[in-house]
Amino acid sequence: MVKLEIGAVVSFINEVGDKFTGELSEVSSDFYDDVKLENGVVTYWSKKTKKYVPVKEKNKESIFFEIKTALGVEFVTESELF
């Protein structure tokens, strides 16, 4: 898998098994308020430590990547990327 960074070209498989390629344009979460990519690692702003820290393993499925494809914008999880 390619290193995750904004602007990288990534491939993914959607929920019906179709393969797509597109540009990673944004990272977001339905659990954390403020997330970003730092050196290929998804981090979130910790109010407790007042700095960005890596997303906890148990919360990785709450992270979504916005991928711009020729057919439009798709939102995928890290497990759907290859």
Protein backbone atom coordinates (compact mmCIF):
# COMPACT_ATOMS: atom_id res chain seq x y z
CA MET A 1 0.00 0.00 0.00
CA VAL A 2 1.16 3.53 -0.77
CA LYS A 3 2.14 5.88 2.08
CA LEU A 4 -0.94 7.79 3.15
CA GLU A 5 -0.64 11.51 2.50
CA ILE A 6 -2.91 14.17 1.07
CA GLY A 7 -2.53 14.24 -2.71
CA ALA A 8 -1.35 10.62 -2.98
CA VAL A 9 -2.93 8.38 -5.59
CA VAL A 10 -4.55 5.41 -3.83
CA SER A 11 -6.65 2.41 -4.84
CA PHE A 12 -9.59 0.95 -2.98
CA ILE A 13 -12.33 -1.64 -3.26
CA ASN A 14 -15.87 -0.45 -2.60
CA GLU A 15 -18.61 -2.35 -0.77
CA VAL A 16 -19.65 -4.31 -3.90
CA GLY A 17 -16.10 -5.30 -4.86
CA ASP A 18 -15.38 -2.73 -7.60
CA LYS A 19 -11.81 -1.39 -7.73
CA PHE A 20 -11.17 2.34 -8.03
CA THR A 21 -8.17 4.66 -8.07
CA GLY A 22 -8.21 8.29 -7.01
CA GLU A 23 -6.50 11.09 -5.14
CA LEU A 24 -6.64 11.19 -1.35
CA SER A 25 -7.96 14.66 -0.59
CA GLU A 26 -8.99 14.67 3.06
CA VAL A 27 -9.11 12.64 6.27
CA SER A 28 -12.02 12.87 8.72
CA SER A 29 -13.59 11.03 11.62
CA ASP A 30 -16.99 10.47 13.12
CA PHE A 31 -15.35 10.01 16.55
CA TYR A 32 -12.59 12.65 16.75
CA ASP A 33 -13.12 16.38 16.13
CA ASP A 34 -9.69 17.20 14.67
CA VAL A 35 -7.72 14.62 12.65
CA LYS A 36 -4.86 14.89 10.18
CA LEU A 37 -2.18 12.85 8.46
CA GLU A 38 1.37 13.16 9.77
CA ASN A 39 4.04 11.10 7.99
CA GLY A 40 1.46 8.55 6.85
CA VAL A 41 -0.11 8.16 10.31
CA VAL A 42 -3.59 9.42 11.19
CA THR A 43 -3.41 11.59 14.30
CA TYR A 44 -5.99 13.43 16.39
CA TRP A 45 -5.79 16.47 18.65
CA SER A 46 -5.70 15.30 22.26
CA LYS A 47 -7.25 17.82 24.62
CA LYS A 48 -5.56 16.00 27.50
CA THR A 49 -1.98 16.22 26.16
CA LYS A 50 -2.49 19.35 24.00
CA LYS A 51 -0.83 17.75 20.96
CA TYR A 52 -1.58 15.46 18.03
CA VAL A 53 -1.30 11.76 18.89
CA PRO A 54 -1.89 8.61 16.78
CA VAL A 55 -5.45 7.30 16.58
CA LYS A 56 -6.08 4.41 18.94
CA GLU A 57 -6.40 0.99 17.29
CA LYS A 58 -9.92 0.49 18.67
CA ASN A 59 -11.07 3.73 16.96
CA LYS A 60 -9.44 3.25 13.53
CA GLU A 61 -12.77 2.30 11.91
CA SER A 62 -14.05 5.81 12.74
CA ILE A 63 -11.50 7.30 10.30
CA PHE A 64 -12.60 8.03 6.74
CA PHE A 65 -10.57 9.09 3.75
CA GLU A 66 -12.07 11.28 1.03
CA ILE A 67 -10.94 9.99 -2.37
CA LYS A 68 -11.58 12.00 -5.55
CA THR A 69 -12.14 9.61 -8.47
CA ALA A 70 -13.17 10.12 -12.08
CA LEU A 71 -16.74 9.26 -11.03
CA GLY A 72 -16.88 11.62 -8.05
CA VAL A 73 -15.94 11.61 -4.38
CA GLU A 74 -15.87 8.41 -2.32
CA PHE A 75 -15.39 7.97 1.43
CA VAL A 76 -13.47 4.85 2.45
CA THR A 77 -11.89 3.37 5.55
CA GLU A 78 -8.24 2.37 5.76
CA SER A 79 -9.22 -1.31 5.54
CA GLU A 80 -10.70 -0.69 2.05
CA LEU A 81 -7.44 0.78 0.71
CA PHE A 82 -4.82 -1.38 -0.99
